[in-house]
PDB file of N, CA and C in Angstrom:
ATOM      1  N   UNK A   1      -7.357 -18.047  10.469  1.00  0.00           N
ATOM      2  CA  UNK A   1      -7.349 -17.038   9.437  1.00  0.00           C
ATOM      3  C   UNK A   1      -8.665 -16.257   9.443  1.00  0.00           C
ATOM      4  N   UNK A   2      -9.744 -16.937   9.629  1.00  0.00           N
ATOM      5  CA  UNK A   2     -11.058 -16.296   9.635  1.00  0.00           C
ATOM      6  C   UNK A   2     -11.176 -15.278  10.772  1.00  0.00           C
ATOM      7  N   UNK A   3     -10.645 -15.627  11.956  1.00  0.00           N
ATOM      8  CA  UNK A   3     -10.707 -14.712  13.099  1.00  0.00           C
ATOM      9  C   UNK A   3      -9.888 -13.448  12.839  1.00  0.00           C
ATOM     10  N   UNK A   4      -8.762 -13.597  12.158  1.00  0.00           N
ATOM     11  CA  UNK A   4      -7.927 -12.444  11.824  1.00  0.00           C
ATOM     12  C   UNK A   4      -8.678 -11.495  10.893  1.00  0.00           C
ATOM     13  N   UNK A   5      -9.357 -12.044   9.912  1.00  0.00           N
ATOM     14  CA  UNK A   5     -10.137 -11.227   8.973  1.00  0.00           C
ATOM     15  C   UNK A   5     -11.279 -10.536   9.707  1.00  0.00           C
ATOM     16  N   UNK A   6     -11.947 -11.259  10.596  1.00  0.00           N
ATOM     17  CA  UNK A   6     -13.045 -10.672  11.364  1.00  0.00           C
ATOM     18  C   UNK A   6     -12.534  -9.540  12.255  1.00  0.00           C
ATOM     19  N   UNK A   7     -11.368  -9.724  12.864  1.00  0.00           N
ATOM     20  CA  UNK A   7     -10.803  -8.703  13.736  1.00  0.00           C
ATOM     21  C   UNK A   7     -10.443  -7.459  12.934  1.00  0.00           C
ATOM     22  N   UNK A   8      -9.854  -7.643  11.754  1.00  0.00           N
ATOM     23  CA  UNK A   8      -9.500  -6.505  10.909  1.00  0.00           C
ATOM     24  C   UNK A   8     -10.753  -5.752  10.457  1.00  0.00           C
ATOM     25  N   UNK A   9     -11.798  -6.494  10.145  1.00  0.00           N
ATOM     26  CA  UNK A   9     -13.051  -5.867   9.719  1.00  0.00           C
ATOM     27  C   UNK A   9     -13.635  -5.047  10.865  1.00  0.00           C
ATOM     28  N   UNK A  10     -13.623  -5.606  12.058  1.00  0.00           N
ATOM     29  CA  UNK A  10     -14.136  -4.876  13.228  1.00  0.00           C
ATOM     30  C   UNK A  10     -13.285  -3.647  13.509  1.00  0.00           C
ATOM     31  N   UNK A  11     -11.956  -3.801  13.411  1.00  0.00           N
ATOM     32  CA  UNK A  11     -11.058  -2.667  13.639  1.00  0.00           C
ATOM     33  C   UNK A  11     -11.325  -1.569  12.623  1.00  0.00           C
ATOM     34  N   UNK A  12     -11.540  -1.959  11.389  1.00  0.00           N
ATOM     35  CA  UNK A  12     -11.833  -0.979  10.332  1.00  0.00           C
ATOM     36  C   UNK A  12     -13.124  -0.229  10.658  1.00  0.00           C
ATOM     37  N   UNK A  13     -14.150  -0.950  11.056  1.00  0.00           N
ATOM     38  CA  UNK A  13     -15.436  -0.318  11.393  1.00  0.00           C
ATOM     39  C   UNK A  13     -15.269   0.654  12.558  1.00  0.00           C
ATOM     40  N   UNK A  14     -14.528   0.249  13.561  1.00  0.00           N
ATOM     41  CA  UNK A  14     -14.300   1.109  14.725  1.00  0.00           C
ATOM     42  C   UNK A  14     -13.560   2.373  14.308  1.00  0.00           C
ATOM     43  N   UNK A  15     -12.498   2.212  13.526  1.00  0.00           N
ATOM     44  CA  UNK A  15     -11.717   3.368  13.083  1.00  0.00           C
ATOM     45  C   UNK A  15     -12.571   4.308  12.239  1.00  0.00           C
ATOM     46  N   UNK A  16     -13.358   3.769  11.334  1.00  0.00           N
ATOM     47  CA  UNK A  16     -14.243   4.616  10.517  1.00  0.00           C
ATOM     48  C   UNK A  16     -15.154   5.454  11.405  1.00  0.00           C
ATOM     49  N   UNK A  17     -15.738   4.846  12.425  1.00  0.00           N
ATOM     50  CA  UNK A  17     -16.630   5.569  13.327  1.00  0.00           C
ATOM     51  C   UNK A  17     -15.885   6.619  14.144  1.00  0.00           C
ATOM     52  N   UNK A  18     -14.692   6.286  14.600  1.00  0.00           N
ATOM     53  CA  UNK A  18     -13.912   7.238  15.380  1.00  0.00           C
ATOM     54  C   UNK A  18     -13.554   8.464  14.547  1.00  0.00           C
ATOM     55  N   UNK A  19     -13.249   8.239  13.277  1.00  0.00           N
ATOM     56  CA  UNK A  19     -12.873   9.342  12.400  1.00  0.00           C
ATOM     57  C   UNK A  19     -14.084  10.158  11.965  1.00  0.00           C
ATOM     58  N   UNK A  20     -15.109   9.474  11.494  1.00  0.00           N
ATOM     59  CA  UNK A  20     -16.236  10.190  10.895  1.00  0.00           C
ATOM     60  C   UNK A  20     -17.247  10.699  11.911  1.00  0.00           C
ATOM     61  N   UNK A  21     -17.528   9.944  12.938  1.00  0.00           N
ATOM     62  CA  UNK A  21     -18.566  10.357  13.889  1.00  0.00           C
ATOM     63  C   UNK A  21     -18.031  11.165  15.062  1.00  0.00           C
ATOM     64  N   UNK A  22     -16.813  10.821  15.502  1.00  0.00           N
ATOM     65  CA  UNK A  22     -16.259  11.529  16.661  1.00  0.00           C
ATOM     66  C   UNK A  22     -15.213  12.562  16.272  1.00  0.00           C
ATOM     67  N   UNK A  23     -14.735  12.502  15.036  1.00  0.00           N
ATOM     68  CA  UNK A  23     -13.773  13.490  14.562  1.00  0.00           C
ATOM     69  C   UNK A  23     -12.403  13.405  15.204  1.00  0.00           C
ATOM     70  N   UNK A  24     -12.019  12.214  15.650  1.00  0.00           N
ATOM     71  CA  UNK A  24     -10.701  12.065  16.258  1.00  0.00           C
ATOM     72  C   UNK A  24      -9.611  12.200  15.200  1.00  0.00           C
ATOM     73  N   UNK A  25      -8.420  12.619  15.633  1.00  0.00           N
ATOM     74  CA  UNK A  25      -7.305  12.643  14.698  1.00  0.00           C
ATOM     75  C   UNK A  25      -6.716  11.234  14.591  1.00  0.00           C
ATOM     76  N   UNK A  26      -5.770  11.056  13.688  1.00  0.00           N
ATOM     77  CA  UNK A  26      -5.226   9.721  13.421  1.00  0.00           C
ATOM     78  C   UNK A  26      -4.609   9.084  14.655  1.00  0.00           C
ATOM     79  N   UNK A  27      -3.839   9.860  15.395  1.00  0.00           N
ATOM     80  CA  UNK A  27      -3.167   9.322  16.576  1.00  0.00           C
ATOM     81  C   UNK A  27      -4.176   8.894  17.639  1.00  0.00           C
ATOM     82  N   UNK A  28      -5.184   9.708  17.871  1.00  0.00           N
ATOM     83  CA  UNK A  28      -6.211   9.381  18.863  1.00  0.00           C
ATOM     84  C   UNK A  28      -6.974   8.126  18.455  1.00  0.00           C
ATOM     85  N   UNK A  29      -7.370   8.055  17.189  1.00  0.00           N
ATOM     86  CA  UNK A  29      -8.120   6.898  16.705  1.00  0.00           C
ATOM     87  C   UNK A  29      -7.294   5.625  16.820  1.00  0.00           C
ATOM     88  N   UNK A  30      -6.010   5.721  16.485  1.00  0.00           N
ATOM     89  CA  UNK A  30      -5.128   4.556  16.572  1.00  0.00           C
ATOM     90  C   UNK A  30      -5.011   4.065  18.012  1.00  0.00           C
ATOM     91  N   UNK A  31      -4.897   5.001  18.931  1.00  0.00           N
ATOM     92  CA  UNK A  31      -4.771   4.629  20.342  1.00  0.00           C
ATOM     93  C   UNK A  31      -6.048   3.968  20.855  1.00  0.00           C
ATOM     94  N   UNK A  32      -7.194   4.560  20.566  1.00  0.00           N
ATOM     95  CA  UNK A  32      -8.467   4.022  21.052  1.00  0.00           C
ATOM     96  C   UNK A  32      -8.747   2.648  20.437  1.00  0.00           C
ATOM     97  N   UNK A  33      -8.510   2.511  19.136  1.00  0.00           N
ATOM     98  CA  UNK A  33      -8.817   1.258  18.432  1.00  0.00           C
ATOM     99  C   UNK A  33      -7.715   0.211  18.584  1.00  0.00           C
ATOM    100  N   UNK A  34      -6.597   0.628  19.176  1.00  0.00           N
ATOM    101  CA  UNK A  34      -5.456  -0.273  19.363  1.00  0.00           C
ATOM    102  C   UNK A  34      -4.956  -0.835  18.036  1.00  0.00           C
ATOM    103  N   UNK A  35      -4.769   0.077  17.075  1.00  0.00           N
ATOM    104  CA  UNK A  35      -4.214  -0.263  15.766  1.00  0.00           C
ATOM    105  C   UNK A  35      -3.094   0.728  15.470  1.00  0.00           C
ATOM    106  N   UNK A  36      -2.377   0.493  14.384  1.00  0.00           N
ATOM    107  CA  UNK A  36      -1.279   1.382  14.021  1.00  0.00           C
ATOM    108  C   UNK A  36      -1.801   2.676  13.406  1.00  0.00           C
ATOM    109  N   UNK A  37      -0.995   3.708  13.507  1.00  0.00           N
ATOM    110  CA  UNK A  37      -1.349   4.980  12.883  1.00  0.00           C
ATOM    111  C   UNK A  37      -1.432   4.797  11.368  1.00  0.00           C
ATOM    112  N   UNK A  38      -0.572   3.961  10.824  1.00  0.00           N
ATOM    113  CA  UNK A  38      -0.591   3.701   9.381  1.00  0.00           C
ATOM    114  C   UNK A  38      -1.925   3.098   8.948  1.00  0.00           C
ATOM    115  N   UNK A  39      -2.472   2.206   9.766  1.00  0.00           N
ATOM    116  CA  UNK A  39      -3.772   1.605   9.479  1.00  0.00           C
ATOM    117  C   UNK A  39      -4.846   2.688   9.449  1.00  0.00           C
ATOM    118  N   UNK A  40      -4.812   3.587  10.427  1.00  0.00           N
ATOM    119  CA  UNK A  40      -5.791   4.674  10.498  1.00  0.00           C
ATOM    120  C   UNK A  40      -5.641   5.597   9.294  1.00  0.00           C
ATOM    121  N   UNK A  41      -4.419   5.917   8.927  1.00  0.00           N
ATOM    122  CA  UNK A  41      -4.186   6.788   7.779  1.00  0.00           C
ATOM    123  C   UNK A  41      -4.735   6.166   6.496  1.00  0.00           C
ATOM    124  N   UNK A  42      -4.596   4.874   6.375  1.00  0.00           N
ATOM    125  CA  UNK A  42      -5.131   4.163   5.203  1.00  0.00           C
ATOM    126  C   UNK A  42      -6.654   4.278   5.165  1.00  0.00           C
ATOM    127  N   UNK A  43      -7.284   4.073   6.302  1.00  0.00           N
ATOM    128  CA  UNK A  43      -8.739   4.162   6.383  1.00  0.00           C
ATOM    129  C   UNK A  43      -9.200   5.593   6.082  1.00  0.00           C
ATOM    130  N   UNK A  44      -8.490   6.585   6.647  1.00  0.00           N
ATOM    131  CA  UNK A  44      -8.853   7.983   6.405  1.00  0.00           C
ATOM    132  C   UNK A  44      -8.758   8.320   4.916  1.00  0.00           C
ATOM    133  N   UNK A  45      -7.706   7.857   4.263  1.00  0.00           N
ATOM    134  CA  UNK A  45      -7.541   8.116   2.824  1.00  0.00           C
ATOM    135  C   UNK A  45      -8.695   7.506   2.032  1.00  0.00           C
ATOM    136  N   UNK A  46      -9.100   6.297   2.408  1.00  0.00           N
ATOM    137  CA  UNK A  46     -10.216   5.645   1.720  1.00  0.00           C
ATOM    138  C   UNK A  46     -11.522   6.401   1.958  1.00  0.00           C
ATOM    139  N   UNK A  47     -11.732   6.887   3.176  1.00  0.00           N
ATOM    140  CA  UNK A  47     -12.937   7.659   3.482  1.00  0.00           C
ATOM    141  C   UNK A  47     -12.959   8.970   2.692  1.00  0.00           C
ATOM    142  N   UNK A  48     -11.802   9.633   2.615  1.00  0.00           N
ATOM    143  CA  UNK A  48     -11.722  10.888   1.861  1.00  0.00           C
ATOM    144  C   UNK A  48     -11.980  10.661   0.382  1.00  0.00           C
ATOM    145  N   UNK A  49     -11.458   9.567  -0.149  1.00  0.00           N
ATOM    146  CA  UNK A  49     -11.672   9.243  -1.551  1.00  0.00           C
ATOM    147  C   UNK A  49     -13.160   8.967  -1.807  1.00  0.00           C
ATOM    148  N   UNK A  50     -13.768   8.209  -0.909  1.00  0.00           N
ATOM    149  CA  UNK A  50     -15.197   7.889  -1.035  1.00  0.00           C
ATOM    150  C   UNK A  50     -16.037   9.165  -0.937  1.00  0.00           C
ATOM    151  N   UNK A  51     -15.642  10.060  -0.038  1.00  0.00           N
ATOM    152  CA  UNK A  51     -16.382  11.302   0.148  1.00  0.00           C
ATOM    153  C   UNK A  51     -16.323  12.169  -1.115  1.00  0.00           C
ATOM    154  N   UNK A  52     -15.188  12.178  -1.790  1.00  0.00           N
ATOM    155  CA  UNK A  52     -15.046  12.948  -3.027  1.00  0.00           C
ATOM    156  C   UNK A  52     -15.933  12.389  -4.133  1.00  0.00           C
ATOM    157  N   UNK A  53     -16.152  11.080  -4.128  1.00  0.00           N
ATOM    158  CA  UNK A  53     -16.974  10.442  -5.143  1.00  0.00           C
ATOM    159  C   UNK A  53     -18.459  10.693  -4.916  1.00  0.00           C
ATOM    160  N   UNK A  54     -18.833  10.939  -3.665  1.00  0.00           N
ATOM    161  CA  UNK A  54     -20.249  11.160  -3.335  1.00  0.00           C
ATOM    162  C   UNK A  54     -20.686  12.511  -3.682  1.00  0.00           C
TER     163      UNK A  54
END
């Protein structure tokens, strides 16, 4: 269980960097990070929400 949580955390960090630093679209980020597009969309929504609060 711990390894699964660590993997998800790493995947989240990778996706955040792909979106914010490299400006990839959802499909590109999902392919590079080897995660689902839905996962990337969730991360993007959270980043956009955080950005609005800042």
